Amino acid sequence: LLPHQSRDLQRVCFDLLTASGVFKPDEAIELIKAEIPVTHTSDSILEAQTLLSNEPKFPHVNDLTKLNTFTIDNEDTIDRDDALSFNPLTDENADQIAIHIAYAGMLIPANGPIDQSASHRMSSLYLPDQRIDMLPEIFSTEIASLDPGKTRFTLSLTAAVSKSGELLRWNINVSK
């Protein structure tokens, strides 16, 4: 046993498990308690690879590919999931402002391996020494990433705003 001055049994146990190599000193115990896996199953990775090779077809998609759109993520971000666009509406003396969110949910089959994994994780987790993605990396960095020059499906909120700041109209559409 380790010589330990603490009366905190939980701390003593953690120190013993760390000394024996079961845990790292900075182990994220909360993930273990919540039973959140840090890797994706081979089934979810296989499903992601299959989805990448099949171009999705959706009816009623609003084509916004002509808009000047930019992402708001850091330059080194590998999964760009949100973007903005701003375009003057000269015939109305107004501007169109749009927020585009990668619409990964419409690409993932319900109750499939990715859906089950994502519902267990609920979000990507950003820890000091690691990132645990909600979706397999190959999916979130490819088909679900709003990369420059690539057409992706988004859920887009578009709004027309007068020069005085009055909201003239808005809508939410599935778009590309």
Protein backbone atom coordinates (compact mmCIF):
# COMPACT_ATOMS: atom_id res chain seq x y z
CA LEU A 1 0.00 0.00 0.00
CA LEU A 2 1.00 3.59 -0.53
CA PRO A 3 1.93 5.62 2.49
CA HIS A 4 -0.85 8.18 2.60
CA GLN A 5 -1.81 10.78 5.14
CA SER A 6 -5.29 11.40 3.77
CA ARG A 7 -8.40 10.15 5.51
CA ASP A 8 -10.28 10.59 2.22
CA LEU A 9 -10.87 6.98 1.21
CA GLN A 10 -11.84 7.97 -2.33
CA ARG A 11 -8.52 9.83 -2.73
CA VAL A 12 -6.54 6.90 -1.31
CA CYS A 13 -8.26 4.49 -3.72
CA PHE A 14 -7.62 6.79 -6.67
CA ASP A 15 -3.94 7.11 -5.71
CA LEU A 16 -3.64 3.30 -5.47
CA LEU A 17 -5.27 2.84 -8.87
CA THR A 18 -2.99 5.49 -10.35
CA ALA A 19 0.13 3.92 -8.83
CA SER A 20 -0.87 0.52 -10.19
CA GLY A 21 -1.39 1.94 -13.71
CA VAL A 22 -5.17 1.47 -13.86
CA PHE A 23 -5.76 5.25 -14.09
CA LYS A 24 -3.67 8.17 -15.27
CA PRO A 25 -3.19 10.98 -12.73
CA ASP A 26 -5.50 13.20 -14.81
CA GLU A 27 -8.06 10.49 -15.57
CA ALA A 28 -11.53 11.86 -16.36
CA ILE A 29 -13.39 9.83 -13.74
CA GLU A 30 -16.64 11.62 -14.60
CA LEU A 31 -16.60 9.98 -18.04
CA ILE A 32 -16.20 6.56 -16.47
CA LYS A 33 -19.00 7.23 -13.97
CA ALA A 34 -21.33 8.44 -16.74
CA GLU A 35 -20.28 5.50 -18.94
CA ILE A 36 -19.39 7.82 -21.82
CA PRO A 37 -17.19 5.98 -24.32
CA VAL A 38 -14.15 7.87 -25.54
CA THR A 39 -14.00 6.03 -28.87
CA HIS A 40 -16.61 5.16 -31.45
CA THR A 41 -17.65 1.61 -32.22
CA SER A 42 -16.53 -0.02 -35.44
CA ASP A 43 -20.22 -0.13 -36.47
CA SER A 44 -20.59 3.66 -36.19
CA ILE A 45 -17.35 4.25 -38.09
CA LEU A 46 -18.47 1.82 -40.82
CA GLU A 47 -21.83 3.60 -41.04
CA ALA A 48 -20.04 6.97 -41.35
CA GLN A 49 -17.87 5.62 -44.18
CA THR A 50 -20.98 4.31 -45.95
CA LEU A 51 -22.74 7.66 -45.60
CA LEU A 52 -19.71 9.43 -47.07
CA SER A 53 -19.91 7.32 -50.21
CA ASN A 54 -23.66 7.91 -50.75
CA GLU A 55 -24.76 11.38 -51.87
CA PRO A 56 -27.93 12.14 -49.90
CA LYS A 57 -31.04 13.20 -51.80
CA PHE A 58 -33.58 15.40 -50.07
CA PRO A 59 -36.66 17.11 -51.49
CA HIS A 60 -37.39 20.78 -50.81
CA VAL A 61 -33.82 21.95 -50.21
CA ASN A 62 -33.32 25.71 -50.51
CA ASP A 63 -30.29 26.45 -52.72
CA LEU A 64 -28.19 29.12 -50.99
CA THR A 65 -24.90 28.24 -52.70
CA LYS A 66 -24.71 31.70 -54.32
CA LEU A 67 -24.52 33.46 -50.94
CA ASN A 68 -21.18 34.75 -49.72
CA THR A 69 -20.89 32.54 -46.64
CA PHE A 70 -18.11 32.32 -44.06
CA THR A 71 -17.53 30.07 -41.09
CA ILE A 72 -16.94 31.51 -37.66
CA ASP A 73 -14.61 28.79 -36.38
CA ASN A 74 -10.89 29.04 -35.79
CA GLU A 75 -8.59 28.56 -38.75
CA ASP A 76 -7.40 25.19 -37.42
CA THR A 77 -10.90 23.85 -36.70
CA ILE A 78 -11.48 20.54 -38.47
CA ASP A 79 -15.26 20.35 -38.01
CA ARG A 80 -16.83 23.63 -39.08
CA ASP A 81 -20.45 23.35 -38.07
CA ASP A 82 -21.74 26.91 -38.31
CA ALA A 83 -21.50 29.76 -40.80
CA LEU A 84 -22.90 33.22 -41.47
CA SER A 85 -23.81 35.17 -44.56
CA PHE A 86 -24.64 38.82 -45.09
CA ASN A 87 -26.00 40.12 -48.38
CA PRO A 88 -27.49 43.49 -49.33
CA LEU A 89 -31.05 43.46 -50.68
CA THR A 90 -30.72 46.61 -52.75
CA ASP A 91 -34.25 46.47 -54.16
CA GLU A 92 -35.66 46.60 -50.61
CA ASN A 93 -33.13 48.91 -48.96
CA ALA A 94 -32.46 46.06 -46.53
CA ASP A 95 -29.93 43.34 -45.79
CA GLN A 96 -30.26 39.58 -45.59
CA ILE A 97 -28.54 37.98 -42.64
CA ALA A 98 -28.34 34.20 -42.41
CA ILE A 99 -27.09 31.69 -39.88
CA HIS A 100 -26.28 28.25 -41.26
CA ILE A 101 -25.84 25.22 -38.99
CA ALA A 102 -24.52 21.93 -40.38
CA TYR A 103 -27.55 19.66 -40.55
CA ALA A 104 -25.86 16.40 -39.66
CA GLY A 105 -29.04 15.03 -38.13
CA MET A 106 -30.79 14.71 -41.47
CA LEU A 107 -27.91 12.61 -42.80
CA ILE A 108 -27.83 10.08 -39.96
CA PRO A 109 -30.22 7.12 -40.15
CA ALA A 110 -32.55 6.96 -37.14
CA ASN A 111 -31.61 4.31 -34.57
CA GLY A 112 -28.44 3.36 -36.47
CA PRO A 113 -25.02 3.03 -34.82
CA ILE A 114 -24.15 6.73 -35.17
CA ASP A 115 -27.56 7.83 -33.86
CA GLN A 116 -27.29 5.52 -30.85
CA SER A 117 -23.76 6.67 -30.09
CA ALA A 118 -24.67 10.35 -30.45
CA SER A 119 -27.71 10.01 -28.21
CA HIS A 120 -25.49 8.51 -25.52
CA ARG A 121 -22.86 11.27 -25.78
CA MET A 122 -25.31 14.18 -26.42
CA SER A 123 -22.50 16.54 -27.48
CA SER A 124 -18.81 16.71 -28.22
CA LEU A 125 -16.76 17.04 -25.05
CA TYR A 126 -13.73 19.31 -24.90
CA LEU A 127 -11.38 18.35 -22.08
CA PRO A 128 -7.97 19.87 -21.30
CA ASP A 129 -6.07 16.97 -22.85
CA GLN A 130 -8.56 15.42 -25.27
CA ARG A 131 -11.68 15.92 -27.36
CA ILE A 132 -14.43 13.31 -27.42
CA ASP A 133 -16.50 13.76 -30.55
CA MET A 134 -20.25 13.16 -30.49
CA LEU A 135 -20.05 11.87 -34.07
CA PRO A 136 -17.28 9.81 -35.67
CA GLU A 137 -14.50 12.15 -36.77
CA ILE A 138 -14.68 11.00 -40.40
CA PHE A 139 -18.34 12.10 -40.45
CA SER A 140 -18.04 15.41 -38.60
CA THR A 141 -14.96 16.53 -40.54
CA GLU A 142 -16.21 15.49 -43.96
CA ILE A 143 -19.92 15.38 -44.86
CA ALA A 144 -21.02 17.44 -41.84
CA SER A 145 -18.30 20.10 -42.00
CA LEU A 146 -19.00 23.40 -43.76
CA ASP A 147 -15.66 23.51 -45.53
CA PRO A 148 -14.88 26.26 -48.06
CA GLY A 149 -15.78 25.28 -51.61
CA LYS A 150 -17.89 22.26 -50.57
CA THR A 151 -21.68 22.07 -50.74
CA ARG A 152 -23.20 20.78 -47.49
CA PHE A 153 -26.70 20.49 -46.06
CA THR A 154 -27.57 23.06 -43.41
CA LEU A 155 -30.45 24.28 -41.36
CA SER A 156 -30.51 27.97 -42.25
CA LEU A 157 -32.22 30.89 -40.58
CA THR A 158 -32.49 33.78 -43.04
CA ALA A 159 -33.78 37.20 -42.07
CA ALA A 160 -34.37 40.42 -43.97
CA VAL A 161 -33.52 43.44 -41.84
CA SER A 162 -34.17 47.07 -42.81
CA LYS A 163 -31.36 49.61 -42.65
CA SER A 164 -32.95 50.92 -39.43
CA GLY A 165 -32.75 47.44 -37.87
CA GLU A 166 -36.40 46.41 -38.24
CA LEU A 167 -36.98 42.70 -38.84
CA LEU A 168 -38.94 42.52 -42.09
CA ARG A 169 -39.27 38.73 -42.42
CA TRP A 170 -37.51 35.53 -41.54
CA ASN A 171 -37.64 31.82 -42.29
CA ILE A 172 -35.93 28.56 -41.42
CA ASN A 173 -35.18 26.10 -44.21
CA VAL A 174 -33.15 23.05 -44.99
CA SER A 175 -30.61 24.37 -47.46
CA LYS A 176 -27.39 23.67 -49.22
